[in-house]
């Protein structure tokens, strides 16, 4: 298998390539010429997914290759979402989708990466909230166009890849389930689709309106904590980092919200999931007046998977009936939301 091409705006004289071989991840360094051209040869036995990283992981693109494929790339490291990949049906189908939606993809890419010069008069036109709203709008339009492509090409593996790219991170399992239902033939038989179906079921089990998945944890005082311990009360679950600044800020807001709620009807539970540090030694510095857990397995823990936690900080509000009421609720809205819910239920 050969991957070659030319990438402009490379700031480093190499590209990092990764792919899975059996149960291991293979990492290779590909030397590039001053013009950005490169050639990479490796042996694979089956269709594999290669991630190519540019400029010390500042941007990347994905390539799909089989054992006898000759793949070519052409594009800009600063606009890696639009790199054209040719050499087999999957790559060319995906490149066609990119080309047809180039304006939207470029606009989204530029906003996310602040792709504007200092002298651009539009530099300060959009506020942070406006940028987020614009990105969400662009993502929604791209999802709609991806769904149109999937409906028109239900047997193409590229359709399954677009589902993974545009629908996997949604909080709405119905959307993911709907687009998976379009797939047929070899696209439906592609192994990652089975994982997407399992993932969809997990999403449904942790979606708003679902009953909270059972959990058993050990708190920082070595006491066993079970989900059943919080029956008949509101439960605020916060997933945090012991080192992240956003989590630090969230903890301070949670403390203020904790003071506002009725302790007889509302309980808080914080779960720290850090991948870079264990044992976690800074929980004590937070001085939390509620139960705290330092999850030893971090992002690989059962509770992270069963509650579908995509990032930290992340808060979930559970109703007294044990149902997931609001996912990703802002810490500052917890007490007011519970007060409103209490009035509507009375």
Protein backbone atom coordinates (compact mmCIF):
# COMPACT_ATOMS: atom_id res chain seq x y z
CA UNK A 1 0.00 0.00 0.00
CA UNK A 2 1.29 3.44 -0.95
CA UNK A 3 0.13 6.88 0.19
CA UNK A 4 1.76 9.84 -1.53
CA UNK A 5 0.99 13.43 -2.31
CA UNK A 6 1.79 17.08 -1.74
CA UNK A 7 0.56 19.18 1.17
CA UNK A 8 1.12 22.94 1.24
CA UNK A 9 1.73 25.08 4.34
CA UNK A 10 3.61 22.41 6.23
CA UNK A 11 5.58 23.97 9.08
CA UNK A 12 7.39 20.75 9.96
CA UNK A 13 9.47 18.53 7.61
CA UNK A 14 7.40 15.47 8.47
CA UNK A 15 3.89 14.04 8.75
CA UNK A 16 2.79 11.64 11.50
CA UNK A 17 0.76 8.63 10.28
CA UNK A 18 -1.17 6.28 12.57
CA UNK A 19 -3.26 3.18 11.95
CA UNK A 20 -4.34 0.06 13.82
CA UNK A 21 -2.70 -3.29 13.14
CA UNK A 22 -4.36 -6.16 15.02
CA UNK A 23 -4.79 -4.77 18.53
CA UNK A 24 -1.91 -2.30 18.33
CA UNK A 25 -1.62 1.22 17.02
CA UNK A 26 1.21 1.84 14.55
CA UNK A 27 2.81 5.29 14.51
CA UNK A 28 5.13 6.28 11.65
CA UNK A 29 6.98 9.47 10.79
CA UNK A 30 6.89 10.41 7.10
CA UNK A 31 9.60 12.75 5.81
CA UNK A 32 8.47 15.51 3.48
CA UNK A 33 10.31 17.61 0.91
CA UNK A 34 10.57 21.42 1.24
CA UNK A 35 7.64 21.59 -1.19
CA UNK A 36 5.54 19.30 1.03
CA UNK A 37 5.63 16.19 -1.15
CA UNK A 38 5.89 12.76 0.49
CA UNK A 39 5.62 9.03 -0.12
CA UNK A 40 4.67 6.43 2.48
CA UNK A 41 4.70 2.65 1.99
CA UNK A 42 3.54 0.05 4.48
CA UNK A 43 2.08 -3.46 4.52
CA UNK A 44 -1.53 -4.04 5.55
CA UNK A 45 -3.79 -7.06 5.13
CA UNK A 46 -7.20 -5.43 5.02
CA UNK A 47 -9.01 -2.10 4.64
CA UNK A 48 -7.46 0.23 7.20
CA UNK A 49 -8.02 3.76 8.46
CA UNK A 50 -4.98 6.03 8.46
CA UNK A 51 -4.87 9.35 10.31
CA UNK A 52 -2.29 11.81 8.97
CA UNK A 53 -1.27 14.64 11.30
CA UNK A 54 0.31 17.89 10.11
CA UNK A 55 2.30 20.61 11.86
CA UNK A 56 2.71 18.75 15.16
CA UNK A 57 -0.92 17.63 15.36
CA UNK A 58 -2.40 21.06 14.65
CA UNK A 59 -4.47 19.59 11.80
CA UNK A 60 -5.17 16.18 10.30
CA UNK A 61 -6.99 14.19 7.66
CA UNK A 62 -8.18 10.59 7.36
CA UNK A 63 -7.33 8.16 4.56
CA UNK A 64 -8.87 4.74 3.86
CA UNK A 65 -6.59 2.20 2.17
CA UNK A 66 -6.52 -1.51 1.35
CA UNK A 67 -3.44 -3.70 0.83
CA UNK A 68 -2.90 -3.01 -2.89
CA UNK A 69 -4.10 0.59 -2.99
CA UNK A 70 -2.15 3.56 -4.30
CA UNK A 71 -3.55 6.65 -2.60
CA UNK A 72 -2.80 10.27 -3.50
CA UNK A 73 -3.38 13.45 -1.46
CA UNK A 74 -3.47 17.07 -2.49
CA UNK A 75 -4.34 20.02 -0.29
CA UNK A 76 -3.49 22.57 2.37
CA UNK A 77 -2.45 21.71 5.94
CA UNK A 78 -4.27 24.87 7.08
CA UNK A 79 -7.48 23.59 5.47
CA UNK A 80 -7.12 19.89 6.17
CA UNK A 81 -10.90 19.27 6.07
CA UNK A 82 -10.72 19.96 2.32
CA UNK A 83 -7.71 17.80 1.40
CA UNK A 84 -8.60 15.76 -1.71
CA UNK A 85 -7.88 12.04 -1.36
CA UNK A 86 -7.98 9.75 -4.39
CA UNK A 87 -7.14 6.12 -5.02
CA UNK A 88 -10.22 4.07 -4.17
CA UNK A 89 -14.00 4.39 -4.12
CA UNK A 90 -14.26 5.36 -0.43
CA UNK A 91 -11.77 8.22 -0.58
CA UNK A 92 -13.13 9.53 -3.85
CA UNK A 93 -16.73 9.44 -2.63
CA UNK A 94 -15.73 11.39 0.47
CA UNK A 95 -13.70 13.85 -1.61
CA UNK A 96 -16.73 14.38 -3.85
CA UNK A 97 -18.86 15.17 -0.78
CA UNK A 98 -16.21 17.65 0.41
CA UNK A 99 -16.04 19.30 -3.02
CA UNK A 100 -19.82 19.66 -3.25
CA UNK A 101 -19.91 21.28 0.19
CA UNK A 102 -16.60 23.14 0.00
CA UNK A 103 -18.04 26.56 0.86
CA UNK A 104 -19.74 25.34 4.03
CA UNK A 105 -16.77 23.25 5.19
CA UNK A 106 -14.33 26.10 4.56
CA UNK A 107 -16.51 28.59 6.40
CA UNK A 108 -16.81 26.28 9.41
CA UNK A 109 -13.10 25.51 9.36
CA UNK A 110 -12.16 29.19 9.27
CA UNK A 111 -14.41 30.10 12.19
CA UNK A 112 -13.21 27.20 14.35
CA UNK A 113 -9.55 27.91 13.67
CA UNK A 114 -9.79 31.72 13.64
CA UNK A 115 -8.60 31.60 10.06
CA UNK A 116 -8.39 35.34 9.61
CA UNK A 117 -5.50 37.76 9.36
CA UNK A 118 -4.94 40.44 12.01
CA UNK A 119 -5.84 43.15 9.50
CA UNK A 120 -9.11 41.55 8.46
CA UNK A 121 -11.82 44.14 9.24
CA UNK A 122 -14.26 41.30 9.96
CA UNK A 123 -12.01 39.97 12.70
CA UNK A 124 -14.04 41.35 15.61
CA UNK A 125 -17.47 41.47 13.99
CA UNK A 126 -18.71 38.22 15.52
CA UNK A 127 -18.86 37.72 19.30
CA UNK A 128 -18.01 34.35 20.85
CA UNK A 129 -21.71 33.48 21.17
CA UNK A 130 -22.34 34.47 17.57
CA UNK A 131 -19.45 32.29 16.41
CA UNK A 132 -20.80 29.31 18.35
CA UNK A 133 -24.26 29.89 16.89
CA UNK A 134 -22.79 30.14 13.38
CA UNK A 135 -20.77 26.94 13.82
CA UNK A 136 -23.87 25.12 15.08
CA UNK A 137 -25.84 26.39 12.08
CA UNK A 138 -23.15 25.25 9.65
CA UNK A 139 -22.92 21.85 11.35
CA UNK A 140 -26.68 21.45 11.10
CA UNK A 141 -26.66 22.26 7.38
CA UNK A 142 -23.75 19.85 6.78
CA UNK A 143 -25.63 17.13 8.68
CA UNK A 144 -28.63 17.65 6.42
CA UNK A 145 -26.45 17.42 3.31
CA UNK A 146 -24.70 14.33 4.70
CA UNK A 147 -28.09 12.71 5.28
CA UNK A 148 -29.10 13.48 1.69
CA UNK A 149 -25.88 11.82 0.46
CA UNK A 150 -26.49 8.77 2.69
CA UNK A 151 -30.07 8.36 1.46
CA UNK A 152 -28.88 8.55 -2.16
CA UNK A 153 -25.95 6.15 -1.57
CA UNK A 154 -27.10 3.58 1.02
CA UNK A 155 -24.63 0.87 -0.09
CA UNK A 156 -21.50 3.03 -0.11
CA UNK A 157 -19.05 2.69 2.80
CA UNK A 158 -18.55 6.46 2.52
CA UNK A 159 -22.13 6.83 3.78
CA UNK A 160 -21.27 4.88 6.94
CA UNK A 161 -18.19 7.07 7.43
CA UNK A 162 -20.28 10.24 7.10
CA UNK A 163 -22.66 8.89 9.74
CA UNK A 164 -19.74 8.40 12.08
CA UNK A 165 -18.42 11.89 11.33
CA UNK A 166 -21.62 13.92 11.50
CA UNK A 167 -24.05 11.95 13.68
CA UNK A 168 -21.99 10.04 16.26
CA UNK A 169 -21.53 12.98 18.64
CA UNK A 170 -25.17 14.00 18.63
CA UNK A 171 -27.13 13.99 21.89
CA UNK A 172 -30.13 12.71 19.91
CA UNK A 173 -30.03 8.92 19.45
CA UNK A 174 -33.07 9.07 17.16
CA UNK A 175 -31.03 10.94 14.50
CA UNK A 176 -28.26 8.35 14.58
CA UNK A 177 -30.74 5.48 14.52
CA UNK A 178 -32.58 7.05 11.57
CA UNK A 179 -29.53 7.47 9.33
CA UNK A 180 -28.21 4.00 10.20
CA UNK A 181 -31.54 2.68 8.95
CA UNK A 182 -30.71 3.93 5.44
CA UNK A 183 -27.66 1.66 5.04
CA UNK A 184 -27.73 -1.44 2.86
CA UNK A 185 -25.36 -4.05 1.42
CA UNK A 186 -21.63 -3.62 2.00
CA UNK A 187 -22.13 -0.38 3.93
CA UNK A 188 -24.34 -2.18 6.43
CA UNK A 189 -21.82 -5.03 6.66
CA UNK A 190 -18.84 -2.74 7.31
CA UNK A 191 -17.58 -3.73 10.82
CA UNK A 192 -17.65 -0.21 12.39
CA UNK A 193 -21.41 -0.04 11.69
CA UNK A 194 -21.96 -2.75 14.33
CA UNK A 195 -20.13 -0.54 16.83
CA UNK A 196 -22.33 2.41 15.82
CA UNK A 197 -25.46 0.33 16.48
CA UNK A 198 -24.21 -0.61 19.95
CA UNK A 199 -23.30 3.02 20.55
CA UNK A 200 -26.82 4.08 19.47
CA UNK A 201 -28.35 1.78 22.05
CA UNK A 202 -26.06 3.22 24.73
CA UNK A 203 -27.15 6.72 23.70
CA UNK A 204 -30.81 5.74 24.05
CA UNK A 205 -30.20 4.32 27.51
CA UNK A 206 -28.61 7.58 28.70
CA UNK A 207 -30.77 10.08 26.81
CA UNK A 208 -33.10 12.62 28.40
CA UNK A 209 -36.23 10.81 29.54
CA UNK A 210 -34.47 7.48 30.09
CA UNK A 211 -34.08 5.97 33.56
CA UNK A 212 -30.65 6.58 35.00
CA UNK A 213 -28.28 3.63 34.39
CA UNK A 214 -27.30 1.77 37.55
CA UNK A 215 -23.84 2.50 38.95
CA UNK A 216 -21.68 1.46 41.88
CA UNK A 217 -18.72 3.64 42.83
CA UNK A 218 -16.26 4.13 45.68
CA UNK A 219 -15.99 7.66 47.05
CA UNK A 220 -12.81 9.36 48.30
CA UNK A 221 -13.55 7.98 51.81
CA UNK A 222 -13.69 4.39 50.47
CA UNK A 223 -17.45 4.23 50.93
CA UNK A 224 -19.51 2.36 48.34
CA UNK A 225 -21.94 4.60 46.49
CA UNK A 226 -24.84 3.21 44.47
CA UNK A 227 -27.33 4.92 42.19
CA UNK A 228 -30.13 3.56 44.38
CA UNK A 229 -28.81 5.70 47.26
CA UNK A 230 -30.28 8.77 45.58
CA UNK A 231 -33.85 7.51 45.16
CA UNK A 232 -36.72 10.01 45.54
CA UNK A 233 -34.40 13.02 45.32
CA UNK A 234 -33.06 15.26 42.61
CA UNK A 235 -29.49 14.24 41.80
CA UNK A 236 -26.97 16.57 40.21
CA UNK A 237 -24.14 14.50 38.68
CA UNK A 238 -21.07 16.52 37.73
CA UNK A 239 -18.21 14.99 35.78
CA UNK A 240 -15.03 16.98 36.38
CA UNK A 241 -11.29 17.21 35.85
CA UNK A 242 -9.00 17.73 38.84
CA UNK A 243 -6.66 19.82 36.71
CA UNK A 244 -8.81 21.66 34.15
CA UNK A 245 -9.52 25.36 34.66
CA UNK A 246 -13.10 25.00 33.36
CA UNK A 247 -13.78 22.34 35.97
CA UNK A 248 -12.33 24.58 38.67
CA UNK A 249 -14.73 27.33 37.65
CA UNK A 250 -17.64 24.87 37.48
CA UNK A 251 -16.93 23.66 41.02
CA UNK A 252 -17.20 27.21 42.34
CA UNK A 253 -20.54 27.70 40.59
CA UNK A 254 -21.77 24.31 41.83
CA UNK A 255 -20.97 25.33 45.40
CA UNK A 256 -23.12 28.45 45.05
CA UNK A 257 -25.96 26.38 43.56
CA UNK A 258 -25.64 23.81 46.34
CA UNK A 259 -26.25 26.54 48.91
CA UNK A 260 -29.51 27.51 47.17
CA UNK A 261 -31.18 24.08 47.04
CA UNK A 262 -33.10 22.12 49.66
CA UNK A 263 -30.65 19.49 50.94
CA UNK A 264 -33.58 17.22 51.92
CA UNK A 265 -34.69 16.91 48.31
CA UNK A 266 -31.51 17.51 46.26
CA UNK A 267 -28.16 15.73 46.35
CA UNK A 268 -24.92 16.39 44.45
CA UNK A 269 -22.36 13.84 43.23
CA UNK A 270 -19.05 14.77 41.58
CA UNK A 271 -16.99 12.26 39.61
CA UNK A 272 -13.43 13.15 38.66
CA UNK A 273 -12.18 11.53 35.47
CA UNK A 274 -8.61 12.56 34.70
CA UNK A 275 -6.53 10.63 32.20
CA UNK A 276 -3.22 12.33 32.96
CA UNK A 277 -3.08 12.08 36.73
CA UNK A 278 -3.88 9.31 39.23
CA UNK A 279 -4.17 9.07 42.11
CA UNK A 280 -6.01 12.39 41.95
CA UNK A 281 -4.66 14.48 44.80
CA UNK A 282 -6.40 17.82 44.31
CA UNK A 283 -9.99 16.87 45.13
CA UNK A 284 -9.37 17.89 48.73
CA UNK A 285 -8.56 21.39 47.55
CA UNK A 286 -12.10 21.70 46.23
CA UNK A 287 -13.54 21.07 49.74
CA UNK A 288 -16.76 19.74 48.29
CA UNK A 289 -19.69 19.60 50.75
CA UNK A 290 -21.12 16.59 48.86
CA UNK A 291 -20.00 13.14 47.70
CA UNK A 292 -16.93 13.03 45.46
CA UNK A 293 -15.46 10.10 43.53
CA UNK A 294 -12.00 9.77 41.96
CA UNK A 295 -12.61 7.33 39.11
CA UNK A 296 -9.53 5.09 38.79
CA UNK A 297 -10.26 4.03 35.21
CA UNK A 298 -10.92 7.61 34.13
CA UNK A 299 -12.38 7.80 30.60
CA UNK A 300 -12.43 3.99 30.38
CA UNK A 301 -14.73 3.69 33.40
CA UNK A 302 -18.18 2.10 33.15
CA UNK A 303 -20.02 5.20 34.36
CA UNK A 304 -18.46 7.40 31.66
CA UNK A 305 -19.65 4.99 28.99
CA UNK A 306 -23.08 4.24 30.45
CA UNK A 307 -23.85 7.96 30.86
CA UNK A 308 -22.23 8.91 27.53
CA UNK A 309 -19.97 11.66 28.88
CA UNK A 310 -18.33 13.43 25.88
CA UNK A 311 -16.22 15.97 27.79
CA UNK A 312 -15.67 17.64 31.17
CA UNK A 313 -17.06 19.55 32.91
CA UNK A 314 -20.43 17.95 32.21
CA UNK A 315 -23.52 18.09 34.44
CA UNK A 316 -26.61 15.87 34.41
CA UNK A 317 -29.83 16.49 36.34
CA UNK A 318 -31.72 13.37 37.49
CA UNK A 319 -35.35 13.64 38.60
CA UNK A 320 -36.68 12.23 41.90
CA UNK A 321 -38.30 9.50 39.80
CA UNK A 322 -34.88 8.40 38.59
CA UNK A 323 -35.13 9.72 35.04
CA UNK A 324 -32.47 11.73 33.24
CA UNK A 325 -34.10 15.14 33.08
CA UNK A 326 -31.46 17.42 31.51
CA UNK A 327 -28.08 16.53 30.03
CA UNK A 328 -25.26 19.07 29.94
CA UNK A 329 -27.17 21.50 32.13
CA UNK A 330 -25.25 24.69 32.93
CA UNK A 331 -24.09 24.71 36.54
CA UNK A 332 -25.55 28.19 37.05
CA UNK A 333 -29.05 26.97 36.07
CA UNK A 334 -29.33 24.04 38.47
CA UNK A 335 -31.16 25.63 41.42
CA UNK A 336 -33.57 27.67 39.26
CA UNK A 337 -34.36 24.63 37.08
CA UNK A 338 -35.10 22.46 40.12
CA UNK A 339 -37.29 25.22 41.57
CA UNK A 340 -39.30 25.46 38.33
CA UNK A 341 -39.59 21.68 38.07
CA UNK A 342 -40.79 21.54 41.66
CA UNK A 343 -43.54 24.11 40.99
CA UNK A 344 -44.71 22.36 37.81
CA UNK A 345 -44.88 19.01 39.61
CA UNK A 346 -46.83 20.39 42.57
